[in-house]
């Protein structure tokens, strides 16, 4: 059955066939292929956290950053918190991406596939300047990567995203904030794993919530996150539980 289906797709995707399709037919083909991808590779999983706040609370943030951790990981986590970077973006930052005179960080946004720049405000500029001064030689020796890799099996000159994720969970464990809220829904025969409320992405959630609470501007928050779809931004913004409780208590 799969062989027949693959043969059908191969026939459809022939260049001569594609060129003969009208716009509405192309859209139908794209939709059909997208649905098939979801079925085969379980891309249709629903988020399990619902209204659970995936960002840090203030006490959690303090507990996390007062816990001893690898100094390179600390620098990475600070950048993610204060600039809202994804883990794949932060590990690849190079010195050439920084324009310190203009206080800008230039980077390639992974998901949108666009080139962007971010303002380096005081909260992150000062730690960055200290880091550059302290580790100038090591950065130079690692092809100018700010978050240079140590000795080990990592083939790159920069730290591994998996290493950074593991360090995050280790620190969260020590800080007593590494809570699991559900189990994963595995559709490929793998064992279900615990879903942690706080992950490296929680730093980006905290950044987004902070921007929105200060501005009450969804468009500005979306721009800060570099989202192409504002709907994505709403999943990052969380109401403070104390504020929500107060509103509910006054409503009924």
Protein backbone atom coordinates (compact mmCIF):
# COMPACT_ATOMS: atom_id res chain seq x y z
CA UNK A 1 0.00 0.00 0.00
CA UNK A 2 2.80 2.41 0.92
CA UNK A 3 4.64 1.56 -2.33
CA UNK A 4 1.52 2.38 -4.35
CA UNK A 5 1.08 5.65 -2.46
CA UNK A 6 4.73 6.63 -2.98
CA UNK A 7 4.46 5.82 -6.71
CA UNK A 8 1.40 8.04 -6.93
CA UNK A 9 3.25 10.91 -5.25
CA UNK A 10 6.24 10.47 -7.54
CA UNK A 11 3.96 10.70 -10.56
CA UNK A 12 2.25 13.82 -9.21
CA UNK A 13 5.53 15.54 -8.36
CA UNK A 14 6.95 15.20 -11.86
CA UNK A 15 7.94 18.74 -13.00
CA UNK A 16 5.76 18.53 -16.11
CA UNK A 17 2.73 17.61 -13.99
CA UNK A 18 3.38 20.37 -11.44
CA UNK A 19 3.71 23.01 -14.15
CA UNK A 20 0.35 22.03 -15.60
CA UNK A 21 -1.55 22.50 -12.32
CA UNK A 22 -3.64 25.60 -11.66
CA UNK A 23 -3.23 27.61 -8.47
CA UNK A 24 -6.23 26.04 -6.71
CA UNK A 25 -4.97 22.57 -7.65
CA UNK A 26 -1.56 23.38 -6.19
CA UNK A 27 -3.18 24.47 -2.93
CA UNK A 28 -5.16 21.22 -2.76
CA UNK A 29 -1.97 19.24 -3.39
CA UNK A 30 -0.12 21.14 -0.67
CA UNK A 31 -2.95 20.50 1.78
CA UNK A 32 -3.05 16.79 0.92
CA UNK A 33 0.70 16.44 1.37
CA UNK A 34 0.57 18.35 4.66
CA UNK A 35 -2.17 16.05 5.99
CA UNK A 36 -0.22 12.97 4.93
CA UNK A 37 2.87 14.31 6.70
CA UNK A 38 0.84 14.77 9.89
CA UNK A 39 -0.46 11.20 9.70
CA UNK A 40 2.95 9.66 9.05
CA UNK A 41 5.05 11.70 11.41
CA UNK A 42 2.58 12.63 14.18
CA UNK A 43 2.79 16.33 13.49
CA UNK A 44 -0.80 16.74 14.69
CA UNK A 45 -0.12 16.46 18.41
CA UNK A 46 -2.02 18.97 20.50
CA UNK A 47 -0.20 21.04 23.10
CA UNK A 48 -0.71 19.41 26.47
CA UNK A 49 0.03 22.41 28.62
CA UNK A 50 -3.19 24.29 27.82
CA UNK A 51 -3.24 27.38 30.06
CA UNK A 52 -0.23 26.29 32.09
CA UNK A 53 2.30 29.11 32.27
CA UNK A 54 5.45 27.87 30.51
CA UNK A 55 7.38 30.95 31.61
CA UNK A 56 9.27 31.55 34.83
CA UNK A 57 7.70 33.18 37.85
CA UNK A 58 9.89 35.75 39.60
CA UNK A 59 10.80 33.36 42.47
CA UNK A 60 11.63 30.61 39.94
CA UNK A 61 13.80 32.96 37.91
CA UNK A 62 15.69 34.01 41.02
CA UNK A 63 16.11 30.41 42.16
CA UNK A 64 17.37 29.38 38.71
CA UNK A 65 20.00 32.10 38.29
CA UNK A 66 21.27 31.87 41.88
CA UNK A 67 21.99 28.16 41.38
CA UNK A 68 25.61 27.36 40.39
CA UNK A 69 25.88 26.50 36.69
CA UNK A 70 28.42 26.31 33.87
CA UNK A 71 29.51 29.86 33.01
CA UNK A 72 28.91 29.40 29.26
CA UNK A 73 25.41 28.11 29.95
CA UNK A 74 24.73 31.10 32.20
CA UNK A 75 25.72 33.49 29.40
CA UNK A 76 23.49 31.62 26.95
CA UNK A 77 20.53 31.67 29.34
CA UNK A 78 20.94 35.41 29.96
CA UNK A 79 20.92 36.13 26.22
CA UNK A 80 17.82 33.97 25.74
CA UNK A 81 16.04 35.68 28.64
CA UNK A 82 16.84 39.28 27.71
CA UNK A 83 16.64 38.97 23.90
CA UNK A 84 14.12 36.14 23.46
CA UNK A 85 16.38 33.97 21.31
CA UNK A 86 15.69 30.34 20.46
CA UNK A 87 18.27 27.78 21.52
CA UNK A 88 19.42 27.13 17.94
CA UNK A 89 19.99 30.85 17.47
CA UNK A 90 21.86 31.57 20.66
CA UNK A 91 24.48 28.83 20.29
CA UNK A 92 25.55 30.11 16.85
CA UNK A 93 26.17 33.76 17.73
CA UNK A 94 29.53 35.00 16.45
CA UNK A 95 31.45 38.17 17.20
CA UNK A 96 30.78 39.46 13.68
CA UNK A 97 27.03 39.39 14.50
CA UNK A 98 27.53 42.12 17.10
CA UNK A 99 27.63 45.82 16.33
CA UNK A 100 28.50 47.17 19.75
CA UNK A 101 28.68 50.80 18.62
CA UNK A 102 25.09 50.62 17.34
CA UNK A 103 24.10 48.23 20.16
CA UNK A 104 22.69 45.67 17.70
CA UNK A 105 22.78 41.89 17.39
CA UNK A 106 22.26 40.66 13.83
CA UNK A 107 20.96 37.14 13.42
CA UNK A 108 19.09 34.76 11.15
CA UNK A 109 15.65 33.87 12.47
CA UNK A 110 15.29 30.09 12.18
CA UNK A 111 11.57 29.60 11.65
CA UNK A 112 10.79 32.68 9.56
CA UNK A 113 14.00 32.26 7.52
CA UNK A 114 14.63 36.01 7.74
CA UNK A 115 17.53 38.23 8.76
CA UNK A 116 16.83 40.38 11.80
CA UNK A 117 18.50 42.66 14.31
CA UNK A 118 17.86 43.15 18.01
CA UNK A 119 18.65 46.08 20.28
CA UNK A 120 21.24 45.34 22.97
CA UNK A 121 19.79 47.02 26.04
CA UNK A 122 21.81 47.55 29.22
CA UNK A 123 20.65 44.33 30.91
CA UNK A 124 22.40 42.22 28.27
CA UNK A 125 24.99 44.63 26.81
CA UNK A 126 27.03 44.82 30.01
CA UNK A 127 27.26 41.02 30.52
CA UNK A 128 28.18 40.66 26.84
CA UNK A 129 30.97 43.22 27.08
CA UNK A 130 32.37 41.46 30.16
CA UNK A 131 32.17 38.10 28.39
CA UNK A 132 33.94 39.38 25.26
CA UNK A 133 36.74 40.91 27.31
CA UNK A 134 37.23 37.86 29.53
CA UNK A 135 37.12 35.26 26.75
CA UNK A 136 38.59 37.12 23.78
CA UNK A 137 41.28 34.51 23.08
CA UNK A 138 38.93 31.51 23.36
CA UNK A 139 36.37 33.19 21.10
CA UNK A 140 39.08 33.84 18.50
CA UNK A 141 40.25 30.23 18.72
CA UNK A 142 36.71 28.95 18.09
CA UNK A 143 35.97 30.74 14.81
CA UNK A 144 34.62 33.78 16.68
CA UNK A 145 31.74 31.88 18.32
CA UNK A 146 30.73 33.63 21.54
CA UNK A 147 29.52 30.45 23.20
CA UNK A 148 32.52 28.33 22.32
CA UNK A 149 32.58 24.59 22.91
CA UNK A 150 34.84 22.95 25.45
CA UNK A 151 36.80 19.79 24.88
CA UNK A 152 34.66 16.79 23.99
CA UNK A 153 32.90 15.09 21.11
CA UNK A 154 31.14 18.18 19.79
CA UNK A 155 32.22 18.56 16.12
CA UNK A 156 31.32 22.27 16.09
CA UNK A 157 33.18 25.24 17.50
CA UNK A 158 30.08 26.30 19.45
CA UNK A 159 28.24 24.61 22.31
CA UNK A 160 25.73 21.89 21.53
CA UNK A 161 22.01 22.71 21.95
CA UNK A 162 21.56 19.30 23.61
CA UNK A 163 24.32 20.06 26.10
CA UNK A 164 22.62 23.38 26.89
CA UNK A 165 19.24 21.67 27.37
CA UNK A 166 20.80 19.11 29.71
CA UNK A 167 22.50 21.85 31.73
CA UNK A 168 19.18 23.68 31.97
CA UNK A 169 17.41 20.65 33.43
CA UNK A 170 20.31 19.93 35.79
CA UNK A 171 20.18 23.48 37.17
CA UNK A 172 16.38 23.43 37.37
CA UNK A 173 16.62 20.14 39.30
CA UNK A 174 19.06 21.59 41.81
CA UNK A 175 16.92 24.72 42.13
CA UNK A 176 13.86 22.55 42.83
CA UNK A 177 11.80 23.91 39.92
CA UNK A 178 12.07 21.05 37.40
CA UNK A 179 8.42 19.98 37.57
CA UNK A 180 6.68 17.54 35.20
CA UNK A 181 3.06 18.34 34.28
CA UNK A 182 2.20 15.45 31.89
CA UNK A 183 3.57 12.59 29.79
CA UNK A 184 4.31 12.80 26.09
CA UNK A 185 1.99 11.15 23.58
CA UNK A 186 4.44 8.96 21.68
CA UNK A 187 3.14 7.54 18.38
CA UNK A 188 6.32 5.85 17.19
CA UNK A 189 6.62 3.10 19.80
CA UNK A 190 8.95 5.05 22.05
CA UNK A 191 8.43 5.18 25.79
CA UNK A 192 6.42 8.17 27.03
CA UNK A 193 8.60 10.84 28.65
CA UNK A 194 7.88 13.49 31.22
CA UNK A 195 6.93 16.93 29.92
CA UNK A 196 8.66 19.63 31.95
CA UNK A 197 6.87 22.91 32.52
CA UNK A 198 10.16 24.79 32.41
CA UNK A 199 12.51 24.27 29.47
CA UNK A 200 15.03 26.46 27.67
CA UNK A 201 12.05 27.79 25.66
CA UNK A 202 10.62 29.10 28.96
CA UNK A 203 13.24 31.86 28.86
CA UNK A 204 11.66 33.04 25.59
CA UNK A 205 8.18 32.76 27.14
CA UNK A 206 9.33 34.92 30.05
CA UNK A 207 10.79 37.48 27.63
CA UNK A 208 7.52 37.65 25.68
CA UNK A 209 5.34 37.97 28.78
CA UNK A 210 7.58 40.72 30.15
CA UNK A 211 7.37 42.71 26.89
CA UNK A 212 3.60 42.40 26.72
CA UNK A 213 2.95 43.28 30.37
CA UNK A 214 5.02 46.44 29.98
CA UNK A 215 3.53 47.55 26.65
CA UNK A 216 0.10 45.85 26.40
CA UNK A 217 0.91 45.82 22.68
CA UNK A 218 0.52 42.45 20.95
CA UNK A 219 2.00 43.68 17.67
CA UNK A 220 5.12 45.02 19.39
CA UNK A 221 5.50 41.76 21.31
CA UNK A 222 5.14 39.78 18.09
CA UNK A 223 7.86 41.92 16.47
CA UNK A 224 10.14 41.36 19.46
CA UNK A 225 9.68 37.59 19.09
CA UNK A 226 10.19 37.85 15.32
CA UNK A 227 6.96 35.97 14.61
CA UNK A 228 5.43 36.04 11.13
CA UNK A 229 2.01 35.04 12.53
CA UNK A 230 0.65 36.99 15.50
CA UNK A 231 -1.36 33.92 16.55
CA UNK A 232 1.91 32.29 17.55
CA UNK A 233 2.63 35.19 19.90
CA UNK A 234 -0.48 34.57 22.00
CA UNK A 235 0.84 31.15 23.08
CA UNK A 236 3.85 32.89 24.66
CA UNK A 237 1.95 35.46 26.72
CA UNK A 238 0.70 34.41 30.12
CA UNK A 239 -1.37 36.25 32.69
CA UNK A 240 0.09 36.56 36.15
CA UNK A 241 -1.79 34.07 38.34
CA UNK A 242 -2.25 36.66 41.10
CA UNK A 243 -3.78 39.13 38.62
CA UNK A 244 -6.03 36.41 37.17
CA UNK A 245 -7.20 35.32 40.63
CA UNK A 246 -7.98 38.94 41.51
CA UNK A 247 -10.03 39.43 38.34
CA UNK A 248 -11.97 36.21 38.92
CA UNK A 249 -12.67 37.13 42.55
CA UNK A 250 -14.17 40.45 41.44
CA UNK A 251 -16.20 38.93 38.60
CA UNK A 252 -18.44 36.57 40.59
